[in-house]
Amino acid sequence: MIEKLSRFIDDLSEFLAARKGLLPILGLALVAVNLIVVVLPGTGFLKESNFFLHVGVIVAIFGLMMARAL
């Protein structure tokens, strides 16, 4: 189990090292999705909590930190 997790993290690290802007762009896309969700009527929990906005900002900041480290 530990070897599989270690291999997965190594593969993910190599994948993201070649695509440094992927996570920040994904984060910005999630923020844009939140804008669309807020405009749509009847979206309930997602609209009230701004779920995609919060997740998008976290992913974008994490992506910037990963790009700097890799």
N, C-alpha and C. Protein backbone atom coordinates (compact mmCIF):
# COMPACT_ATOMS: atom_id res chain seq x y z
N MET A 1 0.82 -1.19 0.00
CA MET A 1 0.00 0.00 0.00
C MET A 1 0.86 1.26 0.00
N ILE A 2 1.89 1.28 0.83
CA ILE A 2 2.78 2.44 0.90
C ILE A 2 3.52 2.63 -0.42
N GLU A 3 3.94 1.52 -1.05
CA GLU A 3 4.66 1.63 -2.32
C GLU A 3 3.77 2.21 -3.41
N LYS A 4 2.49 1.80 -3.42
CA LYS A 4 1.56 2.32 -4.42
C LYS A 4 1.34 3.82 -4.23
N LEU A 5 1.19 4.24 -2.98
CA LEU A 5 1.00 5.66 -2.69
C LEU A 5 2.24 6.46 -3.06
N SER A 6 3.40 5.91 -2.74
CA SER A 6 4.66 6.57 -3.07
C SER A 6 4.83 6.69 -4.59
N ARG A 7 4.50 5.63 -5.30
CA ARG A 7 4.61 5.66 -6.77
C ARG A 7 3.63 6.67 -7.37
N PHE A 8 2.41 6.72 -6.81
CA PHE A 8 1.41 7.66 -7.28
C PHE A 8 1.88 9.11 -7.08
N ILE A 9 2.45 9.40 -5.92
CA ILE A 9 2.93 10.75 -5.65
C ILE A 9 4.09 11.11 -6.56
N ASP A 10 4.99 10.16 -6.81
CA ASP A 10 6.10 10.41 -7.74
C ASP A 10 5.58 10.68 -9.16
N ASP A 11 4.63 9.88 -9.62
CA ASP A 11 4.07 10.09 -10.96
C ASP A 11 3.34 11.42 -11.05
N LEU A 12 2.58 11.75 -10.02
CA LEU A 12 1.87 13.03 -10.00
C LEU A 12 2.84 14.20 -10.00
N SER A 13 3.91 14.08 -9.25
CA SER A 13 4.92 15.13 -9.20
C SER A 13 5.56 15.34 -10.57
N GLU A 14 5.90 14.25 -11.26
CA GLU A 14 6.49 14.37 -12.59
C GLU A 14 5.50 14.97 -13.58
N PHE A 15 4.23 14.59 -13.46
CA PHE A 15 3.20 15.12 -14.35
C PHE A 15 3.03 16.62 -14.15
N LEU A 16 2.96 17.05 -12.91
CA LEU A 16 2.75 18.47 -12.62
C LEU A 16 4.00 19.31 -12.88
N ALA A 17 5.19 18.70 -12.77
CA ALA A 17 6.42 19.44 -13.04
C ALA A 17 6.48 19.90 -14.49
N ALA A 18 5.94 19.10 -15.38
CA ALA A 18 5.95 19.46 -16.80
C ALA A 18 4.82 20.43 -17.15
N ARG A 19 3.82 20.53 -16.28
CA ARG A 19 2.65 21.39 -16.54
C ARG A 19 2.43 22.29 -15.33
N LYS A 20 3.31 23.26 -15.13
CA LYS A 20 3.30 24.08 -13.93
C LYS A 20 2.05 24.94 -13.80
N GLY A 21 1.43 25.32 -14.89
CA GLY A 21 0.28 26.20 -14.82
C GLY A 21 -1.06 25.49 -14.77
N LEU A 22 -1.06 24.18 -14.74
CA LEU A 22 -2.31 23.43 -14.80
C LEU A 22 -3.20 23.66 -13.58
N LEU A 23 -2.65 23.56 -12.38
CA LEU A 23 -3.47 23.73 -11.18
C LEU A 23 -3.99 25.16 -11.02
N PRO A 24 -3.17 26.21 -11.25
CA PRO A 24 -3.74 27.55 -11.17
C PRO A 24 -4.85 27.80 -12.21
N ILE A 25 -4.70 27.27 -13.39
CA ILE A 25 -5.74 27.43 -14.40
C ILE A 25 -7.00 26.66 -14.00
N LEU A 26 -6.82 25.47 -13.44
CA LEU A 26 -7.96 24.71 -12.94
C LEU A 26 -8.68 25.47 -11.82
N GLY A 27 -7.91 26.10 -10.94
CA GLY A 27 -8.49 26.91 -9.88
C GLY A 27 -9.29 28.08 -10.42
N LEU A 28 -8.75 28.75 -11.42
CA LEU A 28 -9.48 29.86 -12.04
C LEU A 28 -10.74 29.37 -12.73
N ALA A 29 -10.68 28.20 -13.33
CA ALA A 29 -11.87 27.63 -13.97
C ALA A 29 -12.95 27.33 -12.93
N LEU A 30 -12.56 26.85 -11.75
CA LEU A 30 -13.53 26.58 -10.69
C LEU A 30 -14.16 27.87 -10.18
N VAL A 31 -13.38 28.94 -10.12
CA VAL A 31 -13.93 30.24 -9.72
C VAL A 31 -14.95 30.70 -10.77
N ALA A 32 -14.66 30.50 -12.05
CA ALA A 32 -15.61 30.85 -13.11
C ALA A 32 -16.87 30.00 -13.03
N VAL A 33 -16.72 28.73 -12.69
CA VAL A 33 -17.88 27.85 -12.51
C VAL A 33 -18.75 28.37 -11.37
N ASN A 34 -18.10 28.87 -10.32
CA ASN A 34 -18.87 29.43 -9.20
C ASN A 34 -19.69 30.63 -9.66
N LEU A 35 -19.12 31.46 -10.50
CA LEU A 35 -19.84 32.62 -11.02
C LEU A 35 -21.09 32.18 -11.78
N ILE A 36 -20.96 31.13 -12.56
CA ILE A 36 -22.12 30.61 -13.31
C ILE A 36 -23.14 30.01 -12.36
N VAL A 37 -22.68 29.28 -11.34
CA VAL A 37 -23.60 28.65 -10.39
C VAL A 37 -24.39 29.72 -9.63
N VAL A 38 -23.74 30.82 -9.28
CA VAL A 38 -24.42 31.88 -8.53
C VAL A 38 -25.51 32.52 -9.37
N VAL A 39 -25.31 32.62 -10.66
CA VAL A 39 -26.29 33.24 -11.54
C VAL A 39 -27.49 32.32 -11.80
N LEU A 40 -27.26 31.01 -11.82
CA LEU A 40 -28.35 30.06 -12.09
C LEU A 40 -29.33 30.00 -10.93
N PRO A 41 -30.61 29.90 -11.24
CA PRO A 41 -31.59 29.79 -10.16
C PRO A 41 -31.67 28.36 -9.63
N GLY A 42 -31.94 28.24 -8.34
CA GLY A 42 -32.22 26.94 -7.74
C GLY A 42 -31.05 26.01 -7.58
N THR A 43 -29.85 26.52 -7.32
CA THR A 43 -28.71 25.63 -7.14
C THR A 43 -28.46 25.30 -5.68
N GLY A 44 -29.18 25.88 -4.75
CA GLY A 44 -29.17 25.50 -3.35
C GLY A 44 -27.84 25.64 -2.64
N PHE A 45 -27.32 24.51 -2.15
CA PHE A 45 -26.12 24.48 -1.33
C PHE A 45 -24.92 25.10 -2.03
N LEU A 46 -24.73 24.79 -3.30
CA LEU A 46 -23.57 25.31 -4.02
C LEU A 46 -23.61 26.83 -4.13
N LYS A 47 -24.80 27.37 -4.28
CA LYS A 47 -24.95 28.81 -4.40
C LYS A 47 -24.76 29.49 -3.05
N GLU A 48 -25.32 28.92 -2.01
CA GLU A 48 -25.25 29.54 -0.69
C GLU A 48 -23.85 29.47 -0.08
N SER A 49 -23.14 28.41 -0.34
CA SER A 49 -21.84 28.23 0.29
C SER A 49 -20.67 28.72 -0.57
N ASN A 50 -20.92 29.04 -1.83
CA ASN A 50 -19.83 29.39 -2.76
C ASN A 50 -18.75 28.31 -2.77
N PHE A 51 -19.19 27.08 -2.86
CA PHE A 51 -18.31 25.91 -2.78
C PHE A 51 -17.19 25.97 -3.82
N PHE A 52 -17.54 26.20 -5.08
CA PHE A 52 -16.54 26.20 -6.14
C PHE A 52 -15.56 27.36 -6.00
N LEU A 53 -16.02 28.47 -5.45
CA LEU A 53 -15.13 29.60 -5.22
C LEU A 53 -14.05 29.23 -4.21
N HIS A 54 -14.45 28.63 -3.11
CA HIS A 54 -13.48 28.27 -2.08
C HIS A 54 -12.52 27.19 -2.55
N VAL A 55 -13.05 26.17 -3.20
CA VAL A 55 -12.19 25.09 -3.70
C VAL A 55 -11.25 25.62 -4.79
N GLY A 56 -11.76 26.50 -5.65
CA GLY A 56 -10.94 27.07 -6.72
C GLY A 56 -9.79 27.90 -6.19
N VAL A 57 -10.03 28.70 -5.18
CA VAL A 57 -8.96 29.51 -4.60
C VAL A 57 -7.91 28.62 -3.94
N ILE A 58 -8.36 27.59 -3.23
CA ILE A 58 -7.42 26.67 -2.58
C ILE A 58 -6.58 25.94 -3.63
N VAL A 59 -7.21 25.47 -4.70
CA VAL A 59 -6.47 24.76 -5.76
C VAL A 59 -5.48 25.69 -6.44
N ALA A 60 -5.88 26.93 -6.70
CA ALA A 60 -4.99 27.89 -7.37
C ALA A 60 -3.78 28.22 -6.50
N ILE A 61 -4.00 28.46 -5.21
CA ILE A 61 -2.88 28.76 -4.31
C ILE A 61 -1.96 27.55 -4.17
N PHE A 62 -2.55 26.37 -4.03
CA PHE A 62 -1.75 25.15 -3.94
C PHE A 62 -0.94 24.96 -5.23
N GLY A 63 -1.56 25.23 -6.38
CA GLY A 63 -0.86 25.10 -7.65
C GLY A 63 0.30 26.06 -7.78
N LEU A 64 0.13 27.29 -7.30
CA LEU A 64 1.23 28.25 -7.34
C LEU A 64 2.39 27.81 -6.43
N MET A 65 2.04 27.28 -5.27
CA MET A 65 3.10 26.79 -4.37
C MET A 65 3.81 25.59 -4.96
N MET A 66 3.06 24.69 -5.61
CA MET A 66 3.67 23.51 -6.23
C MET A 66 4.55 23.92 -7.41
N ALA A 67 4.11 24.89 -8.19
CA ALA A 67 4.91 25.34 -9.32
C ALA A 67 6.23 25.94 -8.85
N ARG A 68 6.18 26.63 -7.76
CA ARG A 68 7.41 27.21 -7.21
C ARG A 68 8.35 26.11 -6.70
N ALA A 69 7.78 25.10 -6.06
CA ALA A 69 8.61 24.02 -5.49
C ALA A 69 9.18 23.10 -6.56
N LEU A 70 8.43 22.89 -7.64
CA LEU A 70 8.90 21.96 -8.67
C LEU A 70 9.74 22.70 -9.67
